[in-house]
Amino acid sequence: RLRINPYCLSSSKWLDAHYDPVANLYTFSSCIALADLHGDGENKLVVGDLGTGASNMKLKVYRGTGLLSENTLLDLPTGLVSFLMDQHEPCTPAIAVASGPFIYIYKNLRPYFKFTLPTLEVNPLEQDVWSQAREDMIDPMTLKEMLEGIRFLMLEPQDMEAYVNLHKQQPIRRQTVITCIGTLKKNMADDDAVSCLVIGTESQEVYILDPEAFTILAKVSISLLFLLITLTLYQTIFRFDLIDSPRPKYCIELSSHPVGLVRMGKNVVVGCAQETLHGYTQKGKKLWTTYLPAPVTTMAVLDLPTRGFQAVLVGLANCEVHVYRDKNLISTIKTPDLVTSICFGRYGREDGTLIMTTKGGGLIVKILKRTAVFDDKDSAPGPPIAQSIRLNVPKKTKLYVDQTMRERENAVAMHRAFQMDLSRMRLAAARAYVKALESSLTPMSASLTEPLKMNAVVQGLGPSFKLTLNIQNTAACRPVMNLAISFLYDENLYSMRTAFFKIPLLVPGLNYPIDTFVECLSDKGISDIIKVFVLREGKSAPLLTAHINMPVSEGLALN
């Protein structure tokens, strides 16, 4: 079992269970799987190790943090899956490793079966030319000239004779290789149901193999550009009785090369080379796009059936793994090295285990905390989520269509009327502004010699109110002298204790409060406006004007 280092615990959603920077594991997400190989309830980690790329390729099985077993592979693995071949007890899965044109089946960690892809049709012209060379009817140089016309042989003249003598007696074969591998439930969708192998080849073909006899049940020719996408969609929408067309029903056209692809329920999430992540329906309709901070290195699905939670794990070239739910970034995991493969699932007896391998051959194991909660809100900087929600636009009504036609037919006249109304509104606003400046109806002075600012505060419930005026000289260094304040009000409704003030001097920058008391004389529950004028001795026009909306006297209203 995994032993968690207590010194590696952090406040994140993940527990750092294990990190081995020198594990010497070089693989990709397509060559890593979790499976209960012995039927004991503990899942093992199965890895197709690429080794150096030319040698030391192995099939490794890990239990906990230790290596359980390993088998030598003859060629580079391109894919690895675990699947159930039958329902015999004990029900243990087999491992299928795709390598070159072969699929190696391992049962109980031992070699069980080897499947070879069928050979392709040989070019008739090439076969005829080699037949003549086998009977010494043509010399090596003539053979080279004839094969160069069909682009089959590109050798130097000095190497031709040795090459022809070595291969002319051998039968001609044309062999393709496997590019990807997956599984497809045969009869039932249960977790313990028998699965068929689905393989995609470089010759633009998809084969579906029987899990027991390993015979070809179905063969579909597709475009190489959509190979991986169509293969993933097969697991969602196709069954054997539906494969009756040589062409896929739906295709997804991308703006750049795909570098990662996973299936989320009935949707497909594609990572592209332009540092973007796209979401599509199974019918090819684009749902969303999000932009990434670095290129994508690998992708995998984070599936927690016990919580009903699914997300996409995206490994990036900036040594981070982002967790996306739809287009929302809900978690970020920083890694010590660039991640080359990701696998999430049950490892040992822990359901939420995240396994990653790095570019330097390291192995990282993290466990999702049982108390971890993923928020639906996007943690990435950018516009809010509501901005990407499509509006529920109603259907076009007859009135809308008629209005659209009217605007289309009378576009010039409507534009002129709009411009005329806009000009009139601007003219009215300018006239009102000029009038306010000329009559000093604003609470701020427009004069450069007396730059003043005033505001008023009314306190009290009534019938007595306290009225406070705050006057300030906004000039930089020039004082204002010989000012007066006067109030204009309805004497039948209000009475003021002091209705006139003189201000001999206003120092710049200081606030001068002026208090007075207002008495409401009416018991009808009405109110009015009190006008305040700031005057300069010797001038009839006020410097400032304020209109104070008096509140209703609540004391009289209650009586």
Protein backbone atom coordinates (compact mmCIF):
# COMPACT_ATOMS: atom_id res chain seq x y z
CA ARG A 1 0.00 0.00 0.00
CA LEU A 2 0.98 3.62 -0.44
CA ARG A 3 2.54 5.20 2.65
CA ILE A 4 1.98 8.93 2.87
CA ASN A 5 4.94 10.95 4.06
CA PRO A 6 3.63 13.21 6.89
CA TYR A 7 6.18 15.87 5.94
CA CYS A 8 4.72 16.08 2.41
CA LEU A 9 1.21 17.03 3.48
CA SER A 10 0.06 20.41 2.20
CA SER A 11 -3.05 22.53 2.32
CA SER A 12 -3.93 21.69 -1.29
CA LYS A 13 -6.52 19.18 -2.45
CA TRP A 14 -3.83 16.52 -3.01
CA LEU A 15 -1.66 14.41 -0.71
CA ASP A 16 1.93 13.86 -1.90
CA ALA A 17 2.10 10.07 -1.56
CA HIS A 18 5.28 9.28 -3.50
CA TYR A 19 7.91 10.91 -5.70
CA ASP A 20 10.83 9.05 -7.25
CA PRO A 21 12.84 11.31 -9.60
CA VAL A 22 15.03 8.38 -10.77
CA ALA A 23 12.34 5.76 -11.46
CA ASN A 24 13.54 5.57 -15.11
CA LEU A 25 10.00 5.53 -16.50
CA TYR A 26 9.71 7.02 -19.98
CA THR A 27 6.19 6.71 -21.29
CA PHE A 28 3.06 8.50 -22.48
CA SER A 29 -0.55 8.53 -21.30
CA SER A 30 -1.53 5.98 -23.96
CA CYS A 31 0.93 3.46 -22.47
CA ILE A 32 -0.16 3.56 -18.84
CA ALA A 33 -3.14 1.85 -17.14
CA LEU A 34 -4.50 0.77 -13.75
CA ALA A 35 -5.91 -2.76 -13.41
CA ASP A 36 -6.68 -5.41 -10.79
CA LEU A 37 -4.46 -8.05 -12.35
CA HIS A 38 -4.79 -10.66 -9.57
CA GLY A 39 -8.44 -10.21 -8.55
CA ASP A 40 -7.48 -9.27 -4.98
CA GLY A 41 -9.14 -5.83 -5.00
CA GLU A 42 -5.85 -3.95 -5.34
CA ASN A 43 -5.17 -2.22 -8.63
CA LYS A 44 -1.66 -2.36 -10.06
CA LEU A 45 0.07 0.22 -12.25
CA VAL A 46 0.91 -1.16 -15.70
CA VAL A 47 3.38 0.88 -17.77
CA GLY A 48 4.74 0.38 -21.26
CA ASP A 49 8.24 1.81 -20.78
CA LEU A 50 9.82 3.26 -23.94
CA GLY A 51 13.31 2.82 -22.55
CA THR A 52 15.93 4.66 -24.59
CA GLY A 53 13.77 4.55 -27.73
CA ALA A 54 15.96 1.94 -29.40
CA SER A 55 16.45 -0.60 -26.59
CA ASN A 56 15.38 -1.52 -23.06
CA MET A 57 11.62 -1.38 -23.88
CA LYS A 58 9.74 -3.15 -21.10
CA LEU A 59 6.29 -3.82 -19.73
CA LYS A 60 6.50 -2.89 -16.05
CA VAL A 61 3.97 -3.57 -13.29
CA TYR A 62 4.05 -1.58 -10.03
CA ARG A 63 2.43 -2.40 -6.74
CA GLY A 64 2.42 0.55 -4.35
CA THR A 65 5.80 2.19 -4.77
CA GLY A 66 7.72 -0.95 -5.74
CA LEU A 67 8.27 -2.76 -9.05
CA LEU A 68 6.32 -6.04 -9.08
CA SER A 69 7.37 -7.51 -12.43
CA GLU A 70 8.65 -6.61 -15.88
CA ASN A 71 8.63 -8.16 -19.35
CA THR A 72 10.85 -7.22 -22.28
CA LEU A 73 9.16 -5.70 -25.33
CA LEU A 74 10.58 -6.23 -28.81
CA ASP A 75 9.54 -2.83 -30.16
CA LEU A 76 8.36 0.58 -28.98
CA PRO A 77 4.87 0.40 -27.45
CA THR A 78 2.30 2.76 -28.97
CA GLY A 79 -0.60 1.93 -26.67
CA LEU A 80 -1.62 -0.18 -23.69
CA VAL A 81 -5.07 -1.15 -22.38
CA SER A 82 -6.52 -3.57 -19.84
CA PHE A 83 -9.67 -5.51 -20.78
CA LEU A 84 -11.70 -8.56 -19.81
CA MET A 85 -11.49 -11.41 -22.30
CA ASP A 86 -14.11 -13.63 -20.66
CA GLN A 87 -16.30 -14.06 -17.57
CA HIS A 88 -14.44 -17.03 -16.13
CA GLU A 89 -13.66 -16.96 -12.42
CA PRO A 90 -11.46 -15.47 -11.13
CA CYS A 91 -12.36 -12.51 -13.32
CA THR A 92 -8.96 -10.93 -14.00
CA PRO A 93 -8.24 -8.54 -16.87
CA ALA A 94 -5.68 -9.08 -19.60
CA ILE A 95 -3.18 -6.51 -20.84
CA ALA A 96 -2.92 -5.64 -24.53
CA VAL A 97 0.23 -3.87 -25.70
CA ALA A 98 0.33 -2.42 -29.21
CA SER A 99 3.80 -2.41 -30.72
CA GLY A 100 4.48 -1.99 -34.43
CA PRO A 101 2.08 -4.23 -36.39
CA PHE A 102 1.53 -6.53 -33.41
CA ILE A 103 -0.63 -6.68 -30.30
CA TYR A 104 0.85 -8.66 -27.44
CA ILE A 105 -1.72 -10.07 -25.01
CA TYR A 106 -0.58 -10.78 -21.44
CA LYS A 107 -2.69 -12.90 -19.08
CA ASN A 108 -1.62 -13.18 -15.44
CA LEU A 109 1.49 -11.18 -16.37
CA ARG A 110 2.58 -13.88 -18.83
CA PRO A 111 2.58 -13.80 -22.65
CA TYR A 112 -0.73 -15.25 -23.86
CA PHE A 113 -1.32 -14.34 -27.52
CA LYS A 114 0.19 -12.33 -30.34
CA PHE A 115 -2.04 -10.70 -32.95
CA THR A 116 -0.60 -9.48 -36.24
CA LEU A 117 -2.28 -6.92 -38.47
CA PRO A 118 -3.26 -8.21 -41.90
CA THR A 119 -0.91 -7.21 -44.68
CA LEU A 120 -1.89 -4.56 -47.17
CA GLU A 121 -2.32 -4.98 -50.89
CA VAL A 122 0.98 -4.77 -52.77
CA ASN A 123 1.35 -2.50 -55.76
CA PRO A 124 1.01 -4.74 -58.90
CA LEU A 125 3.77 -2.88 -60.75
CA GLU A 126 6.21 -3.35 -57.87
CA GLN A 127 5.36 -7.04 -57.62
CA ASP A 128 5.91 -7.55 -61.33
CA VAL A 129 9.27 -5.73 -61.25
CA TRP A 130 10.54 -7.85 -58.36
CA SER A 131 9.39 -11.00 -60.12
CA GLN A 132 11.52 -10.07 -63.13
CA ALA A 133 14.48 -9.34 -60.83
CA ARG A 134 14.02 -12.72 -59.12
CA GLU A 135 14.32 -14.46 -62.52
CA ASP A 136 17.32 -12.27 -63.47
CA MET A 137 15.39 -10.75 -66.35
CA ILE A 138 16.50 -7.20 -65.36
CA ASP A 139 19.63 -5.85 -63.68
CA PRO A 140 19.64 -3.89 -60.36
CA MET A 141 19.97 -0.49 -62.06
CA THR A 142 16.94 -1.16 -64.29
CA LEU A 143 15.04 -2.26 -61.17
CA LYS A 144 15.99 0.99 -59.44
CA GLU A 145 14.83 3.10 -62.40
CA MET A 146 11.48 1.31 -62.61
CA LEU A 147 10.86 1.53 -58.84
CA GLU A 148 11.86 5.20 -58.66
CA GLY A 149 8.93 5.95 -60.98
CA ILE A 150 6.54 4.75 -58.28
CA ARG A 151 8.67 6.12 -55.41
CA PHE A 152 9.37 2.76 -53.80
CA LEU A 153 13.14 2.59 -53.79
CA MET A 154 15.54 5.44 -52.99
CA LEU A 155 19.03 3.95 -52.70
CA GLU A 156 22.47 5.00 -53.84
CA PRO A 157 23.79 3.19 -56.97
CA GLN A 158 26.64 1.50 -55.08
CA ASP A 159 24.14 -0.07 -52.61
CA MET A 160 21.70 -1.34 -55.22
CA GLU A 161 23.25 -4.69 -56.13
CA ALA A 162 23.67 -5.88 -52.54
CA TYR A 163 20.15 -4.80 -51.64
CA VAL A 164 18.54 -6.55 -54.64
CA ASN A 165 20.47 -9.79 -54.09
CA LEU A 166 19.41 -9.80 -50.44
CA HIS A 167 15.68 -9.25 -50.98
CA LYS A 168 14.76 -10.52 -54.42
CA GLN A 169 14.14 -14.10 -53.24
CA GLN A 170 11.87 -12.98 -50.38
CA PRO A 171 8.11 -12.58 -50.81
CA ILE A 172 6.84 -9.02 -51.10
CA ARG A 173 4.72 -7.84 -48.20
CA ARG A 174 3.31 -4.46 -47.25
CA GLN A 175 2.80 -4.06 -43.52
CA THR A 176 1.15 -1.22 -41.59
CA VAL A 177 1.61 -0.32 -37.89
CA ILE A 178 -0.72 0.48 -35.00
CA THR A 179 -1.03 4.12 -33.99
CA CYS A 180 -3.61 3.88 -31.16
CA ILE A 181 -5.60 1.30 -29.22
CA GLY A 182 -8.75 1.34 -27.12
CA THR A 183 -11.58 -0.88 -25.86
CA LEU A 184 -15.27 -1.22 -26.66
CA LYS A 185 -17.85 -3.08 -24.57
CA LYS A 186 -19.11 -6.09 -26.50
CA ASN A 187 -22.56 -6.85 -25.07
CA MET A 188 -23.07 -4.86 -21.85
CA ALA A 189 -21.92 -1.51 -20.50
CA ASP A 190 -21.07 -2.86 -17.02
CA ASP A 191 -17.63 -2.37 -15.56
CA ASP A 192 -17.01 -6.13 -15.45
CA ALA A 193 -18.32 -6.75 -18.99
CA VAL A 194 -16.26 -8.30 -21.76
CA SER A 195 -14.55 -5.73 -24.01
CA CYS A 196 -13.31 -5.83 -27.57
CA LEU A 197 -10.09 -4.27 -28.72
CA VAL A 198 -10.32 -1.29 -31.08
CA ILE A 199 -7.13 -0.44 -32.93
CA GLY A 200 -6.27 2.34 -35.35
CA THR A 201 -3.56 1.89 -37.96
CA GLU A 202 -1.31 4.10 -40.01
CA SER A 203 -3.10 2.89 -43.15
CA GLN A 204 -6.23 4.85 -42.11
CA GLU A 205 -8.19 1.82 -40.89
CA VAL A 206 -9.90 0.89 -37.63
CA TYR A 207 -10.17 -2.77 -36.61
CA ILE A 208 -12.46 -4.22 -33.93
CA LEU A 209 -11.22 -7.54 -32.59
CA ASP A 210 -13.07 -10.34 -30.85
CA PRO A 211 -11.80 -10.62 -27.23
CA GLU A 212 -11.56 -14.44 -27.25
CA ALA A 213 -10.58 -15.58 -30.74
CA PHE A 214 -8.93 -12.23 -31.70
CA THR A 215 -10.55 -12.31 -35.11
CA ILE A 216 -11.53 -9.12 -36.93
CA LEU A 217 -15.21 -8.39 -36.26
CA ALA A 218 -15.37 -5.07 -38.12
CA LYS A 219 -13.14 -2.91 -40.26
CA VAL A 220 -13.69 0.77 -41.03
CA SER A 221 -11.59 3.00 -43.28
CA ILE A 222 -11.31 6.60 -42.16
CA SER A 223 -9.19 9.68 -42.74
CA LEU A 224 -5.85 9.64 -40.95
CA LEU A 225 -6.42 13.25 -39.82
CA PHE A 226 -9.44 12.25 -37.71
CA LEU A 227 -8.10 8.88 -36.61
CA LEU A 228 -7.87 9.45 -32.88
CA ILE A 229 -11.07 11.51 -32.74
CA THR A 230 -13.13 8.92 -34.60
CA LEU A 231 -11.66 6.15 -32.47
CA THR A 232 -12.79 7.90 -29.32
CA LEU A 233 -16.25 8.56 -30.71
CA TYR A 234 -16.63 4.86 -31.52
CA GLN A 235 -16.56 4.11 -27.83
CA THR A 236 -19.52 6.44 -27.35
CA ILE A 237 -21.93 6.14 -30.24
CA PHE A 238 -21.18 2.96 -32.21
CA ARG A 239 -22.02 -0.67 -31.68
CA PHE A 240 -21.32 -3.58 -33.99
CA ASP A 241 -24.77 -3.56 -35.54
CA LEU A 242 -24.39 0.13 -36.41
CA ILE A 243 -21.09 -0.07 -38.26
CA ASP A 244 -22.43 -0.31 -41.79
CA SER A 245 -20.89 2.76 -43.42
CA PRO A 246 -17.32 3.09 -44.72
CA ARG A 247 -17.27 6.71 -43.57
CA PRO A 248 -17.72 8.10 -40.03
CA LYS A 249 -21.06 9.75 -39.35
CA TYR A 250 -19.55 12.81 -37.68
CA CYS A 251 -16.17 14.51 -38.06
CA ILE A 252 -14.62 17.36 -36.08
CA GLU A 253 -12.56 19.86 -38.02
CA LEU A 254 -9.85 21.57 -35.93
CA SER A 255 -8.01 24.82 -36.50
CA SER A 256 -4.65 23.29 -35.50
CA HIS A 257 -3.12 19.86 -34.90
CA PRO A 258 -4.55 17.91 -31.93
CA VAL A 259 -2.03 16.91 -29.27
CA GLY A 260 -4.45 15.37 -26.76
CA LEU A 261 -7.99 14.04 -26.69
CA VAL A 262 -10.28 12.67 -23.97
CA ARG A 263 -13.96 11.76 -23.78
CA MET A 264 -16.16 13.38 -21.09
CA GLY A 265 -19.54 11.65 -21.03
CA LYS A 266 -21.09 12.47 -24.40
CA ASN A 267 -18.62 15.26 -25.16
CA VAL A 268 -15.08 15.32 -26.50
CA VAL A 269 -12.32 17.60 -25.17
CA VAL A 270 -9.42 18.27 -27.54
CA GLY A 271 -6.12 19.96 -26.72
CA CYS A 272 -4.53 21.64 -29.74
CA ALA A 273 -1.05 22.80 -30.65
CA GLN A 274 -2.07 26.48 -30.49
CA GLU A 275 -2.28 26.28 -26.66
CA THR A 276 -6.06 25.94 -26.71
CA LEU A 277 -8.57 23.52 -25.23
CA HIS A 278 -11.84 22.89 -27.11
CA GLY A 279 -15.05 21.14 -26.09
CA TYR A 280 -17.26 19.43 -28.69
CA THR A 281 -20.43 17.37 -28.67
CA GLN A 282 -20.36 13.87 -30.13
CA LYS A 283 -21.93 15.33 -33.27
CA GLY A 284 -19.05 17.76 -33.76
CA LYS A 285 -20.73 20.94 -32.46
CA LYS A 286 -18.29 23.27 -30.72
CA LEU A 287 -19.29 24.06 -27.13
CA TRP A 288 -16.45 26.17 -25.73
CA THR A 289 -12.80 27.18 -26.07
CA THR A 290 -10.31 28.12 -23.39
CA TYR A 291 -6.75 29.39 -23.81
CA LEU A 292 -3.86 27.78 -21.97
CA PRO A 293 -0.68 29.42 -20.58
CA ALA A 294 1.62 26.82 -22.17
CA PRO A 295 1.57 24.01 -24.79
CA VAL A 296 -0.23 20.78 -23.92
CA THR A 297 1.98 17.74 -23.22
CA THR A 298 -0.63 15.16 -22.19
CA MET A 299 -4.29 14.80 -21.17
CA ALA A 300 -6.41 12.40 -19.10
CA VAL A 301 -9.83 12.13 -17.46
CA LEU A 302 -10.39 12.65 -13.74
CA ASP A 303 -13.42 10.47 -12.98
CA LEU A 304 -14.85 10.05 -9.47
CA PRO A 305 -18.04 7.94 -9.80
CA THR A 306 -18.61 7.96 -6.03
CA ARG A 307 -18.95 11.75 -6.10
CA GLY A 308 -20.46 12.02 -9.57
CA PHE A 309 -17.57 14.28 -10.57
CA GLN A 310 -15.69 14.41 -13.86
CA ALA A 311 -12.94 16.75 -15.05
CA VAL A 312 -10.06 16.91 -17.50
CA LEU A 313 -6.41 16.76 -16.44
CA VAL A 314 -4.16 18.75 -18.79
CA GLY A 315 -0.38 18.53 -18.47
CA LEU A 316 1.39 21.68 -19.66
CA ALA A 317 4.94 22.47 -20.73
CA ASN A 318 5.36 24.96 -17.84
CA CYS A 319 5.52 22.08 -15.29
CA GLU A 320 1.87 22.41 -14.27
CA VAL A 321 -1.18 20.17 -14.45
CA HIS A 322 -4.48 22.02 -14.79
CA VAL A 323 -7.83 20.52 -13.84
CA TYR A 324 -10.71 21.74 -16.01
CA ARG A 325 -14.42 21.17 -15.61
CA ASP A 326 -15.88 22.23 -18.92
CA LYS A 327 -13.95 25.45 -19.63
CA ASN A 328 -13.45 26.39 -15.97
CA LEU A 329 -10.05 25.96 -14.31
CA ILE A 330 -10.83 24.49 -10.89
CA SER A 331 -7.39 23.37 -9.68
CA THR A 332 -3.68 23.68 -10.51
CA ILE A 333 -0.96 21.17 -9.60
CA LYS A 334 2.69 22.22 -9.80
CA THR A 335 5.20 19.49 -10.64
CA PRO A 336 9.02 19.41 -10.30
CA ASP A 337 9.46 18.40 -13.96
CA LEU A 338 7.53 18.40 -17.24
CA VAL A 339 4.77 15.77 -17.13
CA THR A 340 4.66 13.29 -20.04
CA SER A 341 1.86 10.95 -18.90
CA ILE A 342 -1.13 11.14 -16.55
CA CYS A 343 -3.38 8.41 -15.19
CA PHE A 344 -6.16 8.82 -12.61
CA GLY A 345 -8.12 6.06 -10.94
CA ARG A 346 -8.03 3.39 -8.27
CA TYR A 347 -4.49 2.42 -7.28
CA GLY A 348 -4.08 -0.09 -4.52
CA ARG A 349 -7.20 0.56 -2.44
CA GLU A 350 -7.29 4.33 -2.97
CA ASP A 351 -9.97 5.46 -5.44
CA GLY A 352 -8.67 8.98 -6.14
CA THR A 353 -5.03 8.38 -7.09
CA LEU A 354 -3.21 10.56 -9.61
CA ILE A 355 -0.14 9.01 -11.23
CA MET A 356 2.24 11.05 -13.38
CA THR A 357 5.56 10.39 -15.07
CA THR A 358 7.99 13.16 -15.98
CA LYS A 359 10.33 13.89 -18.86
CA GLY A 360 13.35 12.98 -16.74
CA GLY A 361 11.91 9.53 -15.93
CA GLY A 362 10.41 10.41 -12.54
CA LEU A 363 7.28 8.90 -10.99
CA ILE A 364 4.82 11.07 -9.04
CA VAL A 365 1.88 9.65 -7.06
CA LYS A 366 -0.72 11.93 -5.45
CA ILE A 367 -3.94 11.05 -3.63
CA LEU A 368 -7.02 13.24 -3.71
CA LYS A 369 -8.14 14.19 -0.22
CA ARG A 370 -11.52 12.86 0.80
CA THR A 371 -12.39 16.35 2.04
CA ALA A 372 -11.35 18.03 -1.22
CA VAL A 373 -14.03 20.23 -2.76
CA PHE A 374 -13.78 21.59 -6.30
CA ASP A 375 -15.54 24.89 -6.86
CA ASP A 376 -17.42 25.35 -10.12
CA LYS A 377 -16.15 28.91 -10.47
CA ASP A 378 -13.23 29.57 -12.78
CA SER A 379 -9.97 30.31 -10.93
CA ALA A 380 -8.20 31.51 -14.07
CA PRO A 381 -7.94 35.26 -14.67
CA GLY A 382 -10.22 36.63 -17.33
CA PRO A 383 -13.83 37.58 -17.96
CA PRO A 384 -16.55 36.20 -15.64
CA ILE A 385 -18.31 32.92 -16.38
CA ALA A 386 -21.60 34.69 -17.08
CA GLN A 387 -20.04 36.33 -20.11
CA SER A 388 -19.71 32.96 -21.87
CA ILE A 389 -23.30 31.83 -21.11
CA ARG A 390 -25.43 32.00 -24.19
CA LEU A 391 -28.53 34.14 -23.97
CA ASN A 392 -31.89 32.50 -24.46
CA VAL A 393 -32.83 34.50 -27.55
CA PRO A 394 -36.55 34.12 -28.35
CA LYS A 395 -37.75 33.12 -31.78
CA LYS A 396 -38.37 35.79 -34.39
CA THR A 397 -41.96 37.00 -34.33
CA LYS A 398 -43.90 38.51 -37.23
CA LEU A 399 -43.69 41.92 -35.58
CA TYR A 400 -39.91 41.59 -35.37
CA VAL A 401 -39.64 40.61 -39.02
CA ASP A 402 -41.91 43.51 -40.09
CA GLN A 403 -39.88 45.95 -38.02
CA THR A 404 -36.66 44.63 -39.54
CA MET A 405 -38.03 45.07 -43.04
CA ARG A 406 -39.17 48.62 -42.23
CA GLU A 407 -35.72 49.53 -40.87
CA ARG A 408 -34.06 48.03 -43.92
CA GLU A 409 -36.26 49.96 -46.34
CA ASN A 410 -36.09 53.28 -44.47
CA ALA A 411 -32.55 53.09 -43.12
CA VAL A 412 -31.41 56.46 -44.52
CA ALA A 413 -34.44 58.41 -43.27
CA MET A 414 -34.27 56.79 -39.82
CA HIS A 415 -30.57 57.58 -39.54
CA ARG A 416 -31.17 61.23 -40.45
CA ALA A 417 -34.01 61.51 -37.91
CA PHE A 418 -31.78 59.98 -35.24
CA GLN A 419 -28.95 62.38 -36.01
CA MET A 420 -31.38 65.32 -35.93
CA ASP A 421 -32.77 64.29 -32.52
CA LEU A 422 -29.25 63.73 -31.20
CA SER A 423 -28.17 67.20 -32.34
CA ARG A 424 -31.23 68.77 -30.72
CA MET A 425 -30.54 66.97 -27.45
CA ARG A 426 -26.91 68.13 -27.47
CA LEU A 427 -28.04 71.71 -28.18
CA ALA A 428 -30.58 71.63 -25.34
CA ALA A 429 -27.97 70.24 -22.94
CA ALA A 430 -25.45 72.94 -23.94
CA ARG A 431 -28.03 75.72 -23.50
CA ALA A 432 -29.01 74.40 -20.07
CA TYR A 433 -25.34 74.21 -19.05
CA VAL A 434 -24.64 77.76 -20.19
CA LYS A 435 -27.74 79.02 -18.41
CA ALA A 436 -26.66 77.27 -15.21
CA LEU A 437 -23.22 78.85 -15.43
CA GLU A 438 -24.58 82.32 -16.13
CA SER A 439 -27.12 82.19 -13.32
CA SER A 440 -24.78 80.35 -10.91
CA LEU A 441 -27.25 77.53 -10.37
CA THR A 442 -24.50 74.96 -9.72
CA PRO A 443 -22.99 74.06 -6.31
CA MET A 444 -19.50 74.83 -7.68
CA SER A 445 -18.36 78.25 -8.79
CA ALA A 446 -17.38 78.72 -12.42
CA SER A 447 -15.43 81.88 -11.65
CA LEU A 448 -11.64 81.67 -11.71
CA THR A 449 -11.27 84.49 -9.18
CA GLU A 450 -13.68 82.98 -6.63
CA PRO A 451 -13.41 79.16 -6.96
CA LEU A 452 -15.88 77.95 -4.33
CA LYS A 453 -17.57 74.66 -3.48
CA MET A 454 -20.59 74.15 -1.22
CA ASN A 455 -22.71 71.28 0.09
CA ALA A 456 -25.61 71.18 2.56
CA VAL A 457 -26.66 68.69 5.25
CA VAL A 458 -30.12 68.58 6.91
CA GLN A 459 -30.47 66.90 10.31
CA GLY A 460 -33.54 66.22 12.41
CA LEU A 461 -37.00 64.65 12.22
CA GLY A 462 -38.99 67.84 12.55
CA PRO A 463 -40.59 70.18 13.09
CA SER A 464 -37.14 71.65 13.91
CA PHE A 465 -34.26 70.96 11.52
CA LYS A 466 -30.60 71.81 11.70
CA LEU A 467 -29.19 73.02 8.38
CA THR A 468 -25.40 72.93 7.94
CA LEU A 469 -23.62 74.50 4.98
CA ASN A 470 -20.02 73.51 4.21
CA ILE A 471 -18.20 76.11 2.13
CA GLN A 472 -14.67 75.65 0.83
CA ASN A 473 -12.29 77.81 -1.14
CA THR A 474 -10.72 75.51 -3.78
CA ALA A 475 -8.07 78.01 -4.92
CA ALA A 476 -4.41 77.10 -4.53
CA CYS A 477 -3.23 80.16 -2.60
CA ARG A 478 -5.70 83.02 -3.11
CA PRO A 479 -8.19 83.85 -0.30
CA VAL A 480 -11.76 84.96 -0.96
CA MET A 481 -13.14 87.92 1.02
CA ASN A 482 -16.41 89.77 1.63
CA LEU A 483 -18.90 87.00 0.95
CA ALA A 484 -22.52 86.76 2.08
CA ILE A 485 -24.99 83.85 2.32
CA SER A 486 -28.72 84.36 1.88
CA PHE A 487 -31.67 81.94 2.04
CA LEU A 488 -34.87 82.10 -0.02
CA TYR A 489 -37.84 80.05 1.22
CA ASP A 490 -41.63 80.03 1.64
CA GLU A 491 -42.33 82.04 4.79
CA ASN A 492 -45.75 80.39 5.15
CA LEU A 493 -44.09 77.00 5.42
CA TYR A 494 -40.74 77.66 7.11
CA SER A 495 -39.10 80.08 9.47
CA MET A 496 -35.36 80.44 9.97
CA ARG A 497 -33.54 81.67 13.04
CA THR A 498 -30.77 83.24 10.92
CA ALA A 499 -31.38 83.74 7.21
CA PHE A 500 -28.32 85.85 6.38
CA PHE A 501 -24.60 85.37 7.08
CA LYS A 502 -21.48 87.36 6.30
CA ILE A 503 -18.13 85.67 5.67
CA PRO A 504 -15.24 88.12 5.82
CA LEU A 505 -12.53 85.66 4.71
CA LEU A 506 -12.20 82.16 3.23
CA VAL A 507 -8.71 80.64 3.49
CA PRO A 508 -7.86 78.14 0.68
CA GLY A 509 -8.22 74.47 1.52
CA LEU A 510 -10.23 74.86 4.75
CA ASN A 511 -13.84 73.78 5.25
CA TYR A 512 -16.12 76.40 6.85
CA PRO A 513 -19.31 75.00 8.40
CA ILE A 514 -22.24 77.41 8.84
CA ASP A 515 -25.18 76.24 10.97
CA THR A 516 -28.74 77.54 11.19
CA PHE A 517 -32.07 76.18 12.37
CA VAL A 518 -35.24 75.80 10.29
CA GLU A 519 -38.71 75.51 11.84
CA CYS A 520 -41.55 73.88 9.87
CA LEU A 521 -44.81 75.81 10.37
CA SER A 522 -47.23 73.52 8.50
CA ASP A 523 -48.97 70.49 9.94
CA LYS A 524 -50.15 69.14 6.57
CA GLY A 525 -47.11 66.91 6.04
CA ILE A 526 -45.70 68.78 3.06
CA SER A 527 -42.22 70.05 2.24
CA ASP A 528 -40.60 72.56 -0.10
CA ILE A 529 -37.23 73.71 -1.44
CA ILE A 530 -34.95 76.16 0.34
CA LYS A 531 -32.61 78.04 -1.98
CA VAL A 532 -29.14 79.09 -0.81
CA PHE A 533 -27.21 81.92 -2.51
CA VAL A 534 -23.54 82.75 -2.00
CA LEU A 535 -23.07 86.42 -2.91
CA ARG A 536 -20.18 88.81 -3.39
CA GLU A 537 -20.54 92.34 -2.16
CA GLY A 538 -21.16 94.72 -5.02
CA LYS A 539 -22.43 92.02 -7.43
CA SER A 540 -26.05 91.12 -8.12
CA ALA A 541 -25.39 87.68 -9.64
CA PRO A 542 -24.71 84.93 -7.06
CA LEU A 543 -21.47 83.01 -7.10
CA LEU A 544 -23.12 79.75 -6.02
CA THR A 545 -26.67 78.47 -5.81
CA ALA A 546 -27.95 75.39 -4.02
CA HIS A 547 -31.46 73.92 -3.84
CA ILE A 548 -32.10 72.00 -0.63
CA ASN A 549 -35.00 69.52 -0.69
CA MET A 550 -36.35 69.64 2.85
CA PRO A 551 -37.75 66.44 4.32
CA VAL A 552 -41.31 66.09 5.56
CA SER A 553 -41.69 66.95 9.21
CA GLU A 554 -42.36 63.57 10.82
CA GLY A 555 -43.19 65.06 14.21
CA LEU A 556 -46.15 67.04 12.77
CA ALA A 557 -47.21 64.08 10.64
CA LEU A 558 -47.46 61.86 13.73
CA ASN A 559 -49.46 64.45 15.63
